[in-house]
Structures are given as structure tokens and as C-alpha cells.
Amino acid sequence: MLERLQTQVGKEDRDLTILRVIVADGPIGIVKIAERTGLPEHKVRYSLRMLENDEFVEPTPNGAIPADDIEERLRQVNEGVDRLTDRLGEVRDAFDGDE
């Protein structure tokens, strides 16, 4: 179970790394994102698809750009991460209580 969670957190971290580059330098394409992040192009491509599906970025002929409401979307993500962190603490505490 822990390994699955670590894998998913790694993917989300990669997506956020790519999103930061797009916000800072967009429009930007896959090759430039890979160069700036050190990530393989196939992983950048996958993350871009996920970010597009979640409506964080939009594709353009010149490369990916952030969504118009990116600040609000990132605020919501931060709030969700805070709730998730609290929940993970509760889960950890429940396991500690079983010992």
C-alpha cells in the first residue's frame, strides 16, 4: 500500500514540476520542458496529457500554456494537499494507537 502511495505522489510531484515550468515560461513545448526539468520526454508528454485532462494547461501551436484561472486552481490544490496531509496524520495516528 505504501509503495502505491509513494508512486502516485511521485507522479503528482512530476506534474507540479512541469506545471511550474509552464507557468513561468509558457508557451513551451515538450522538448524544452524536458531540457529544463531533466525529465524524459515520454514522461513530460504523459504529465502534459494529465494536466490538460485536469484543465491546468491548454495546448497551443506554440506549446502548453497555463489555464486562465491557474491561480485559483493552484489555491484549490494547496487546500486539498493540506486536507490530505491532515488525513494522513490521522491514519498514522490510528496505526500508532494500535501498538
PDB file of N, CA and C in Angstrom:
ATOM      1  N   MET A   1       0.829  -1.188   0.000  1.00  0.00           N
ATOM      2  CA  MET A   1       0.000   0.000   0.000  1.00  0.00           C
ATOM      3  C   MET A   1       0.878   1.258   0.000  1.00  0.00           C
ATOM      4  N   LEU A   2       1.909   1.281   0.800  1.00  0.00           N
ATOM      5  CA  LEU A   2       2.771   2.451   0.901  1.00  0.00           C
ATOM      6  C   LEU A   2       3.500   2.720  -0.419  1.00  0.00           C
ATOM      7  N   GLU A   3       3.921   1.647  -1.079  1.00  0.00           N
ATOM      8  CA  GLU A   3       4.630   1.803  -2.351  1.00  0.00           C
ATOM      9  C   GLU A   3       3.732   2.461  -3.401  1.00  0.00           C
ATOM     10  N   ARG A   4       2.457   2.061  -3.450  1.00  0.00           N
ATOM     11  CA  ARG A   4       1.496   2.665  -4.383  1.00  0.00           C
ATOM     12  C   ARG A   4       1.337   4.149  -4.114  1.00  0.00           C
ATOM     13  N   LEU A   5       1.231   4.504  -2.851  1.00  0.00           N
ATOM     14  CA  LEU A   5       1.079   5.898  -2.464  1.00  0.00           C
ATOM     15  C   LEU A   5       2.323   6.706  -2.842  1.00  0.00           C
ATOM     16  N   GLN A   6       3.496   6.134  -2.602  1.00  0.00           N
ATOM     17  CA  GLN A   6       4.739   6.814  -2.963  1.00  0.00           C
ATOM     18  C   GLN A   6       4.840   7.026  -4.475  1.00  0.00           C
ATOM     19  N   THR A   7       4.422   6.033  -5.246  1.00  0.00           N
ATOM     20  CA  THR A   7       4.446   6.149  -6.705  1.00  0.00           C
ATOM     21  C   THR A   7       3.519   7.263  -7.160  1.00  0.00           C
ATOM     22  N   GLN A   8       2.321   7.310  -6.604  1.00  0.00           N
ATOM     23  CA  GLN A   8       1.360   8.341  -7.002  1.00  0.00           C
ATOM     24  C   GLN A   8       1.847   9.734  -6.612  1.00  0.00           C
ATOM     25  N   VAL A   9       2.409   9.862  -5.428  1.00  0.00           N
ATOM     26  CA  VAL A   9       2.939  11.164  -5.000  1.00  0.00           C
ATOM     27  C   VAL A   9       4.073  11.590  -5.929  1.00  0.00           C
ATOM     28  N   GLY A  10       4.891  10.650  -6.362  1.00  0.00           N
ATOM     29  CA  GLY A  10       5.963  10.962  -7.307  1.00  0.00           C
ATOM     30  C   GLY A  10       5.420  11.490  -8.624  1.00  0.00           C
ATOM     31  N   LYS A  11       4.351  10.881  -9.124  1.00  0.00           N
ATOM     32  CA  LYS A  11       3.733  11.351 -10.371  1.00  0.00           C
ATOM     33  C   LYS A  11       3.162  12.756 -10.203  1.00  0.00           C
ATOM     34  N   GLU A  12       2.505  12.992  -9.089  1.00  0.00           N
ATOM     35  CA  GLU A  12       1.925  14.315  -8.845  1.00  0.00           C
ATOM     36  C   GLU A  12       3.028  15.367  -8.708  1.00  0.00           C
ATOM     37  N   ASP A  13       4.119  14.993  -8.067  1.00  0.00           N
ATOM     38  CA  ASP A  13       5.255  15.916  -7.938  1.00  0.00           C
ATOM     39  C   ASP A  13       5.820  16.262  -9.315  1.00  0.00           C
ATOM     40  N   ARG A  14       5.920  15.264 -10.175  1.00  0.00           N
ATOM     41  CA  ARG A  14       6.404  15.499 -11.535  1.00  0.00           C
ATOM     42  C   ARG A  14       5.455  16.433 -12.281  1.00  0.00           C
ATOM     43  N   ASP A  15       4.160  16.193 -12.160  1.00  0.00           N
ATOM     44  CA  ASP A  15       3.175  17.063 -12.811  1.00  0.00           C
ATOM     45  C   ASP A  15       3.316  18.505 -12.332  1.00  0.00           C
ATOM     46  N   LEU A  16       3.503  18.689 -11.035  1.00  0.00           N
ATOM     47  CA  LEU A  16       3.631  20.043 -10.490  1.00  0.00           C
ATOM     48  C   LEU A  16       4.933  20.706 -10.933  1.00  0.00           C
ATOM     49  N   THR A  17       5.999  19.925 -11.054  1.00  0.00           N
ATOM     50  CA  THR A  17       7.265  20.457 -11.571  1.00  0.00           C
ATOM     51  C   THR A  17       7.066  20.976 -12.989  1.00  0.00           C
ATOM     52  N   ILE A  18       6.392  20.196 -13.806  1.00  0.00           N
ATOM     53  CA  ILE A  18       6.126  20.592 -15.190  1.00  0.00           C
ATOM     54  C   ILE A  18       5.198  21.798 -15.232  1.00  0.00           C
ATOM     55  N   LEU A  19       4.199  21.804 -14.378  1.00  0.00           N
ATOM     56  CA  LEU A  19       3.269  22.946 -14.339  1.00  0.00           C
ATOM     57  C   LEU A  19       4.001  24.229 -13.965  1.00  0.00           C
ATOM     58  N   ARG A  20       4.930  24.150 -13.016  1.00  0.00           N
ATOM     59  CA  ARG A  20       5.714  25.341 -12.636  1.00  0.00           C
ATOM     60  C   ARG A  20       6.471  25.904 -13.840  1.00  0.00           C
ATOM     61  N   VAL A  21       7.053  25.030 -14.643  1.00  0.00           N
ATOM     62  CA  VAL A  21       7.793  25.462 -15.833  1.00  0.00           C
ATOM     63  C   VAL A  21       6.843  26.134 -16.826  1.00  0.00           C
ATOM     64  N   ILE A  22       5.674  25.550 -17.005  1.00  0.00           N
ATOM     65  CA  ILE A  22       4.700  26.120 -17.940  1.00  0.00           C
ATOM     66  C   ILE A  22       4.229  27.484 -17.465  1.00  0.00           C
ATOM     67  N   VAL A  23       3.952  27.615 -16.177  1.00  0.00           N
ATOM     68  CA  VAL A  23       3.519  28.907 -15.633  1.00  0.00           C
ATOM     69  C   VAL A  23       4.617  29.945 -15.819  1.00  0.00           C
ATOM     70  N   ALA A  24       5.856  29.559 -15.581  1.00  0.00           N
ATOM     71  CA  ALA A  24       6.976  30.505 -15.665  1.00  0.00           C
ATOM     72  C   ALA A  24       7.359  30.834 -17.103  1.00  0.00           C
ATOM     73  N   ASP A  25       7.294  29.843 -18.004  1.00  0.00           N
ATOM     74  CA  ASP A  25       7.891  30.015 -19.328  1.00  0.00           C
ATOM     75  C   ASP A  25       6.954  29.759 -20.501  1.00  0.00           C
ATOM     76  N   GLY A  26       5.674  29.491 -20.243  1.00  0.00           N
ATOM     77  CA  GLY A  26       4.762  29.150 -21.334  1.00  0.00           C
ATOM     78  C   GLY A  26       4.535  30.301 -22.288  1.00  0.00           C
ATOM     79  N   PRO A  27       4.228  30.022 -23.537  1.00  0.00           N
ATOM     80  CA  PRO A  27       4.058  28.695 -24.103  1.00  0.00           C
ATOM     81  C   PRO A  27       5.395  27.975 -24.254  1.00  0.00           C
ATOM     82  N   ILE A  28       5.336  26.675 -23.968  1.00  0.00           N
ATOM     83  CA  ILE A  28       6.558  25.877 -24.008  1.00  0.00           C
ATOM     84  C   ILE A  28       6.207  24.450 -24.429  1.00  0.00           C
ATOM     85  N   GLY A  29       7.084  23.854 -25.231  1.00  0.00           N
ATOM     86  CA  GLY A  29       6.853  22.517 -25.751  1.00  0.00           C
ATOM     87  C   GLY A  29       7.533  21.430 -24.941  1.00  0.00           C
ATOM     88  N   ILE A  30       7.269  20.209 -25.342  1.00  0.00           N
ATOM     89  CA  ILE A  30       7.754  19.025 -24.632  1.00  0.00           C
ATOM     90  C   ILE A  30       9.279  18.995 -24.537  1.00  0.00           C
ATOM     91  N   VAL A  31       9.954  19.264 -25.636  1.00  0.00           N
ATOM     92  CA  VAL A  31      11.420  19.177 -25.645  1.00  0.00           C
ATOM     93  C   VAL A  31      12.022  20.187 -24.673  1.00  0.00           C
ATOM     94  N   LYS A  32      11.535  21.411 -24.688  1.00  0.00           N
ATOM     95  CA  LYS A  32      12.073  22.441 -23.779  1.00  0.00           C
ATOM     96  C   LYS A  32      11.760  22.110 -22.323  1.00  0.00           C
ATOM     97  N   ILE A  33      10.556  21.592 -22.070  1.00  0.00           N
ATOM     98  CA  ILE A  33      10.212  21.207 -20.696  1.00  0.00           C
ATOM     99  C   ILE A  33      11.157  20.107 -20.225  1.00  0.00           C
ATOM    100  N   ALA A  34      11.405  19.127 -21.092  1.00  0.00           N
ATOM    101  CA  ALA A  34      12.315  18.032 -20.733  1.00  0.00           C
ATOM    102  C   ALA A  34      13.713  18.572 -20.441  1.00  0.00           C
ATOM    103  N   GLU A  35      14.180  19.501 -21.246  1.00  0.00           N
ATOM    104  CA  GLU A  35      15.502  20.095 -21.032  1.00  0.00           C
ATOM    105  C   GLU A  35      15.557  20.833 -19.697  1.00  0.00           C
ATOM    106  N   ARG A  36      14.520  21.592 -19.383  1.00  0.00           N
ATOM    107  CA  ARG A  36      14.526  22.402 -18.161  1.00  0.00           C
ATOM    108  C   ARG A  36      14.359  21.576 -16.898  1.00  0.00           C
ATOM    109  N   THR A  37      13.654  20.457 -17.005  1.00  0.00           N
ATOM    110  CA  THR A  37      13.378  19.650 -15.816  1.00  0.00           C
ATOM    111  C   THR A  37      14.296  18.441 -15.674  1.00  0.00           C
ATOM    112  N   GLY A  38      14.945  18.043 -16.770  1.00  0.00           N
ATOM    113  CA  GLY A  38      15.748  16.825 -16.745  1.00  0.00           C
ATOM    114  C   GLY A  38      14.925  15.556 -16.828  1.00  0.00           C
ATOM    115  N   LEU A  39      13.635  15.692 -17.117  1.00  0.00           N
ATOM    116  CA  LEU A  39      12.754  14.528 -17.236  1.00  0.00           C
ATOM    117  C   LEU A  39      12.760  14.002 -18.667  1.00  0.00           C
ATOM    118  N   PRO A  40      12.564  12.706 -18.842  1.00  0.00           N
ATOM    119  CA  PRO A  40      12.472  12.156 -20.203  1.00  0.00           C
ATOM    120  C   PRO A  40      11.218  12.701 -20.908  1.00  0.00           C
ATOM    121  N   GLU A  41      11.324  12.861 -22.223  1.00  0.00           N
ATOM    122  CA  GLU A  41      10.213  13.416 -22.994  1.00  0.00           C
ATOM    123  C   GLU A  41       8.931  12.610 -22.852  1.00  0.00           C
ATOM    124  N   HIS A  42       9.035  11.273 -22.776  1.00  0.00           N
ATOM    125  CA  HIS A  42       7.812  10.477 -22.674  1.00  0.00           C
ATOM    126  C   HIS A  42       7.080  10.733 -21.355  1.00  0.00           C
ATOM    127  N   LYS A  43       7.811  11.021 -20.293  1.00  0.00           N
ATOM    128  CA  LYS A  43       7.161  11.338 -19.017  1.00  0.00           C
ATOM    129  C   LYS A  43       6.560  12.741 -19.055  1.00  0.00           C
ATOM    130  N   VAL A  44       7.249  13.675 -19.720  1.00  0.00           N
ATOM    131  CA  VAL A  44       6.700  15.026 -19.887  1.00  0.00           C
ATOM    132  C   VAL A  44       5.398  14.942 -20.679  1.00  0.00           C
ATOM    133  N   ARG A  45       5.412  14.177 -21.755  1.00  0.00           N
ATOM    134  CA  ARG A  45       4.219  14.022 -22.605  1.00  0.00           C
ATOM    135  C   ARG A  45       3.049  13.470 -21.788  1.00  0.00           C
ATOM    136  N   TYR A  46       3.311  12.446 -20.985  1.00  0.00           N
ATOM    137  CA  TYR A  46       2.262  11.851 -20.154  1.00  0.00           C
ATOM    138  C   TYR A  46       1.719  12.873 -19.152  1.00  0.00           C
ATOM    139  N   SER A  47       2.620  13.571 -18.478  1.00  0.00           N
ATOM    140  CA  SER A  47       2.185  14.557 -17.488  1.00  0.00           C
ATOM    141  C   SER A  47       1.407  15.690 -18.143  1.00  0.00           C
ATOM    142  N   LEU A  48       1.836  16.125 -19.317  1.00  0.00           N
ATOM    143  CA  LEU A  48       1.094  17.166 -20.028  1.00  0.00           C
ATOM    144  C   LEU A  48      -0.330  16.709 -20.327  1.00  0.00           C
ATOM    145  N   ARG A  49      -0.471  15.458 -20.736  1.00  0.00           N
ATOM    146  CA  ARG A  49      -1.804  14.920 -21.009  1.00  0.00           C
ATOM    147  C   ARG A  49      -2.660  14.957 -19.738  1.00  0.00           C
ATOM    148  N   MET A  50      -2.070  14.580 -18.608  1.00  0.00           N
ATOM    149  CA  MET A  50      -2.812  14.605 -17.349  1.00  0.00           C
ATOM    150  C   MET A  50      -3.185  16.039 -16.962  1.00  0.00           C
ATOM    151  N   LEU A  51      -2.241  16.963 -17.122  1.00  0.00           N
ATOM    152  CA  LEU A  51      -2.503  18.371 -16.793  1.00  0.00           C
ATOM    153  C   LEU A  51      -3.566  18.965 -17.709  1.00  0.00           C
ATOM    154  N   GLU A  52      -3.571  18.566 -18.973  1.00  0.00           N
ATOM    155  CA  GLU A  52      -4.622  19.015 -19.893  1.00  0.00           C
ATOM    156  C   GLU A  52      -5.970  18.429 -19.489  1.00  0.00           C
ATOM    157  N   ASN A  53      -6.000  17.135 -19.170  1.00  0.00           N
ATOM    158  CA  ASN A  53      -7.253  16.494 -18.747  1.00  0.00           C
ATOM    159  C   ASN A  53      -7.828  17.155 -17.507  1.00  0.00           C
ATOM    160  N   ASP A  54      -6.949  17.582 -16.605  1.00  0.00           N
ATOM    161  CA  ASP A  54      -7.384  18.241 -15.371  1.00  0.00           C
ATOM    162  C   ASP A  54      -7.587  19.747 -15.554  1.00  0.00           C
ATOM    163  N   GLU A  55      -7.397  20.215 -16.786  1.00  0.00           N
ATOM    164  CA  GLU A  55      -7.622  21.608 -17.175  1.00  0.00           C
ATOM    165  C   GLU A  55      -6.710  22.606 -16.454  1.00  0.00           C
ATOM    166  N   PHE A  56      -5.474  22.160 -16.169  1.00  0.00           N
ATOM    167  CA  PHE A  56      -4.476  23.069 -15.610  1.00  0.00           C
ATOM    168  C   PHE A  56      -3.695  23.777 -16.709  1.00  0.00           C
ATOM    169  N   VAL A  57      -3.582  23.137 -17.867  1.00  0.00           N
ATOM    170  CA  VAL A  57      -2.871  23.730 -19.002  1.00  0.00           C
ATOM    171  C   VAL A  57      -3.704  23.562 -20.263  1.00  0.00           C
ATOM    172  N   GLU A  58      -3.366  24.390 -21.234  1.00  0.00           N
ATOM    173  CA  GLU A  58      -4.028  24.318 -22.538  1.00  0.00           C
ATOM    174  C   GLU A  58      -2.955  24.179 -23.605  1.00  0.00           C
ATOM    175  N   PRO A  59      -3.188  23.299 -24.578  1.00  0.00           N
ATOM    176  CA  PRO A  59      -2.229  23.187 -25.679  1.00  0.00           C
ATOM    177  C   PRO A  59      -2.437  24.337 -26.672  1.00  0.00           C
ATOM    178  N   THR A  60      -1.358  24.824 -27.238  1.00  0.00           N
ATOM    179  CA  THR A  60      -1.422  25.813 -28.309  1.00  0.00           C
ATOM    180  C   THR A  60      -0.424  25.369 -29.380  1.00  0.00           C
ATOM    181  N   PRO A  61      -0.479  25.956 -30.565  1.00  0.00           N
ATOM    182  CA  PRO A  61       0.509  25.608 -31.585  1.00  0.00           C
ATOM    183  C   PRO A  61       1.947  25.900 -31.152  1.00  0.00           C
ATOM    184  N   ASN A  62       2.124  26.817 -30.206  1.00  0.00           N
ATOM    185  CA  ASN A  62       3.461  27.188 -29.727  1.00  0.00           C
ATOM    186  C   ASN A  62       3.882  26.450 -28.460  1.00  0.00           C
ATOM    187  N   GLY A  63       3.030  25.570 -27.944  1.00  0.00           N
ATOM    188  CA  GLY A  63       3.338  24.836 -26.719  1.00  0.00           C
ATOM    189  C   GLY A  63       2.262  25.035 -25.676  1.00  0.00           C
ATOM    190  N   ALA A  64       2.465  24.411 -24.536  1.00  0.00           N
ATOM    191  CA  ALA A  64       1.485  24.462 -23.452  1.00  0.00           C
ATOM    192  C   ALA A  64       1.521  25.818 -22.750  1.00  0.00           C
ATOM    193  N   ILE A  65       0.323  26.269 -22.360  1.00  0.00           N
ATOM    194  CA  ILE A  65       0.185  27.485 -21.561  1.00  0.00           C
ATOM    195  C   ILE A  65      -0.676  27.154 -20.340  1.00  0.00           C
ATOM    196  N   PRO A  66      -0.522  27.927 -19.257  1.00  0.00           N
ATOM    197  CA  PRO A  66      -1.366  27.675 -18.083  1.00  0.00           C
ATOM    198  C   PRO A  66      -2.812  28.074 -18.372  1.00  0.00           C
ATOM    199  N   ALA A  67      -3.740  27.431 -17.696  1.00  0.00           N
ATOM    200  CA  ALA A  67      -5.152  27.797 -17.793  1.00  0.00           C
ATOM    201  C   ALA A  67      -5.331  29.236 -17.309  1.00  0.00           C
ATOM    202  N   ASP A  68      -6.355  29.884 -17.821  1.00  0.00           N
ATOM    203  CA  ASP A  68      -6.612  31.276 -17.439  1.00  0.00           C
ATOM    204  C   ASP A  68      -6.796  31.443 -15.932  1.00  0.00           C
ATOM    205  N   ASP A  69      -7.389  30.457 -15.284  1.00  0.00           N
ATOM    206  CA  ASP A  69      -7.667  30.543 -13.845  1.00  0.00           C
ATOM    207  C   ASP A  69      -6.671  29.736 -13.013  1.00  0.00           C
ATOM    208  N   ILE A  70      -5.432  29.689 -13.464  1.00  0.00           N
ATOM    209  CA  ILE A  70      -4.439  28.826 -12.816  1.00  0.00           C
ATOM    210  C   ILE A  70      -4.215  29.173 -11.350  1.00  0.00           C
ATOM    211  N   GLU A  71      -4.255  30.455 -11.002  1.00  0.00           N
ATOM    212  CA  GLU A  71      -4.032  30.827  -9.592  1.00  0.00           C
ATOM    213  C   GLU A  71      -5.091  30.209  -8.693  1.00  0.00           C
ATOM    214  N   GLU A  72      -6.349  30.265  -9.118  1.00  0.00           N
ATOM    215  CA  GLU A  72      -7.440  29.683  -8.332  1.00  0.00           C
ATOM    216  C   GLU A  72      -7.304  28.167  -8.263  1.00  0.00           C
ATOM    217  N   ARG A  73      -6.951  27.546  -9.368  1.00  0.00           N
ATOM    218  CA  ARG A  73      -6.784  26.094  -9.386  1.00  0.00           C
ATOM    219  C   ARG A  73      -5.660  25.661  -8.447  1.00  0.00           C
ATOM    220  N   LEU A  74      -4.559  26.400  -8.433  1.00  0.00           N
ATOM    221  CA  LEU A  74      -3.443  26.066  -7.546  1.00  0.00           C
ATOM    222  C   LEU A  74      -3.814  26.288  -6.086  1.00  0.00           C
ATOM    223  N   ARG A  75      -4.612  27.308  -5.812  1.00  0.00           N
ATOM    224  CA  ARG A  75      -5.093  27.538  -4.445  1.00  0.00           C
ATOM    225  C   ARG A  75      -5.910  26.335  -3.983  1.00  0.00           C
ATOM    226  N   GLN A  76      -6.773  25.831  -4.863  1.00  0.00           N
ATOM    227  CA  GLN A  76      -7.589  24.666  -4.519  1.00  0.00           C
ATOM    228  C   GLN A  76      -6.722  23.423  -4.303  1.00  0.00           C
ATOM    229  N   VAL A  77      -5.698  23.265  -5.120  1.00  0.00           N
ATOM    230  CA  VAL A  77      -4.780  22.135  -4.942  1.00  0.00           C
ATOM    231  C   VAL A  77      -4.101  22.232  -3.587  1.00  0.00           C
ATOM    232  N   ASN A  78      -3.628  23.414  -3.234  1.00  0.00           N
ATOM    233  CA  ASN A  78      -2.951  23.590  -1.942  1.00  0.00           C
ATOM    234  C   ASN A  78      -3.883  23.265  -0.785  1.00  0.00           C
ATOM    235  N   GLU A  79      -5.138  23.688  -0.883  1.00  0.00           N
ATOM    236  CA  GLU A  79      -6.108  23.362   0.167  1.00  0.00           C
ATOM    237  C   GLU A  79      -6.326  21.853   0.245  1.00  0.00           C
ATOM    238  N   GLY A  80      -6.416  21.206  -0.909  1.00  0.00           N
ATOM    239  CA  GLY A  80      -6.591  19.752  -0.941  1.00  0.00           C
ATOM    240  C   GLY A  80      -5.395  19.022  -0.350  1.00  0.00           C
ATOM    241  N   VAL A  81      -4.194  19.510  -0.639  1.00  0.00           N
ATOM    242  CA  VAL A  81      -2.983  18.893  -0.079  1.00  0.00           C
ATOM    243  C   VAL A  81      -2.980  19.050   1.440  1.00  0.00           C
ATOM    244  N   ASP A  82      -3.403  20.209   1.927  1.00  0.00           N
ATOM    245  CA  ASP A  82      -3.483  20.403   3.374  1.00  0.00           C
ATOM    246  C   ASP A  82      -4.453  19.413   4.008  1.00  0.00           C
ATOM    247  N   ARG A  83      -5.619  19.210   3.384  1.00  0.00           N
ATOM    248  CA  ARG A  83      -6.595  18.244   3.915  1.00  0.00           C
ATOM    249  C   ARG A  83      -6.031  16.824   3.871  1.00  0.00           C
ATOM    250  N   LEU A  84      -5.363  16.495   2.776  1.00  0.00           N
ATOM    251  CA  LEU A  84      -4.776  15.162   2.635  1.00  0.00           C
ATOM    252  C   LEU A  84      -3.687  14.929   3.677  1.00  0.00           C
ATOM    253  N   THR A  85      -2.867  15.936   3.910  1.00  0.00           N
ATOM    254  CA  THR A  85      -1.813  15.830   4.924  1.00  0.00           C
ATOM    255  C   THR A  85      -2.419  15.579   6.302  1.00  0.00           C
ATOM    256  N   ASP A  86      -3.487  16.312   6.611  1.00  0.00           N
ATOM    257  CA  ASP A  86      -4.171  16.098   7.885  1.00  0.00           C
ATOM    258  C   ASP A  86      -4.711  14.673   7.979  1.00  0.00           C
ATOM    259  N   ARG A  87      -5.305  14.198   6.892  1.00  0.00           N
ATOM    260  CA  ARG A  87      -5.884  12.853   6.881  1.00  0.00           C
ATOM    261  C   ARG A  87      -4.803  11.783   7.040  1.00  0.00           C
ATOM    262  N   LEU A  88      -3.675  11.967   6.364  1.00  0.00           N
ATOM    263  CA  LEU A  88      -2.573  11.016   6.508  1.00  0.00           C
ATOM    264  C   LEU A  88      -2.060  10.982   7.947  1.00  0.00           C
ATOM    265  N   GLY A  89      -2.047  12.146   8.592  1.00  0.00           N
ATOM    266  CA  GLY A  89      -1.654  12.195  10.003  1.00  0.00           C
ATOM    267  C   GLY A  89      -2.623  11.409  10.869  1.00  0.00           C
ATOM    268  N   GLU A  90      -3.910  11.500  10.553  1.00  0.00           N
ATOM    269  CA  GLU A  90      -4.915  10.738  11.294  1.00  0.00           C
ATOM    270  C   GLU A  90      -4.713   9.237  11.097  1.00  0.00           C
ATOM    271  N   VAL A  91      -4.421   8.834   9.858  1.00  0.00           N
ATOM    272  CA  VAL A  91      -4.184   7.411   9.576  1.00  0.00           C
ATOM    273  C   VAL A  91      -2.963   6.930  10.340  1.00  0.00           C
ATOM    274  N   ARG A  92      -1.879   7.720  10.311  1.00  0.00           N
ATOM    275  CA  ARG A  92      -0.663   7.344  11.048  1.00  0.00           C
ATOM    276  C   ARG A  92      -0.959   7.217  12.536  1.00  0.00           C
ATOM    277  N   ASP A  93      -1.699   8.188  13.072  1.00  0.00           N
ATOM    278  CA  ASP A  93      -2.021   8.158  14.495  1.00  0.00           C
ATOM    279  C   ASP A  93      -2.861   6.937  14.856  1.00  0.00           C
ATOM    280  N   ALA A  94      -3.749   6.518  13.951  1.00  0.00           N
ATOM    281  CA  ALA A  94      -4.571   5.337  14.200  1.00  0.00           C
ATOM    282  C   ALA A  94      -3.687   4.088  14.269  1.00  0.00           C
ATOM    283  N   PHE A  95      -2.674   4.006  13.400  1.00  0.00           N
ATOM    284  CA  PHE A  95      -1.762   2.867  13.446  1.00  0.00           C
ATOM    285  C   PHE A  95      -0.923   2.921  14.714  1.00  0.00           C
ATOM    286  N   ASP A  96      -0.483   4.107  15.110  1.00  0.00           N
ATOM    287  CA  ASP A  96       0.310   4.235  16.328  1.00  0.00           C
ATOM    288  C   ASP A  96      -0.499   3.816  17.551  1.00  0.00           C
ATOM    289  N   GLY A  97      -1.805   4.073  17.526  1.00  0.00           N
ATOM    290  CA  GLY A  97      -2.669   3.717  18.638  1.00  0.00           C
ATOM    291  C   GLY A  97      -2.892   2.226  18.769  1.00  0.00           C
ATOM    292  N   ASP A  98      -2.659   1.478  17.679  1.00  0.00           N
ATOM    293  CA  ASP A  98      -2.863   0.037  17.691  1.00  0.00           C
ATOM    294  C   ASP A  98      -1.686  -0.724  18.305  1.00  0.00           C
ATOM    295  N   GLU A  99      -0.599  -0.039  18.546  1.00  0.00           N
ATOM    296  CA  GLU A  99       0.600  -0.731  19.047  1.00  0.00           C
ATOM    297  C   GLU A  99       0.529  -0.971  20.533  1.00  0.00           C
TER     298      GLU A  99
END
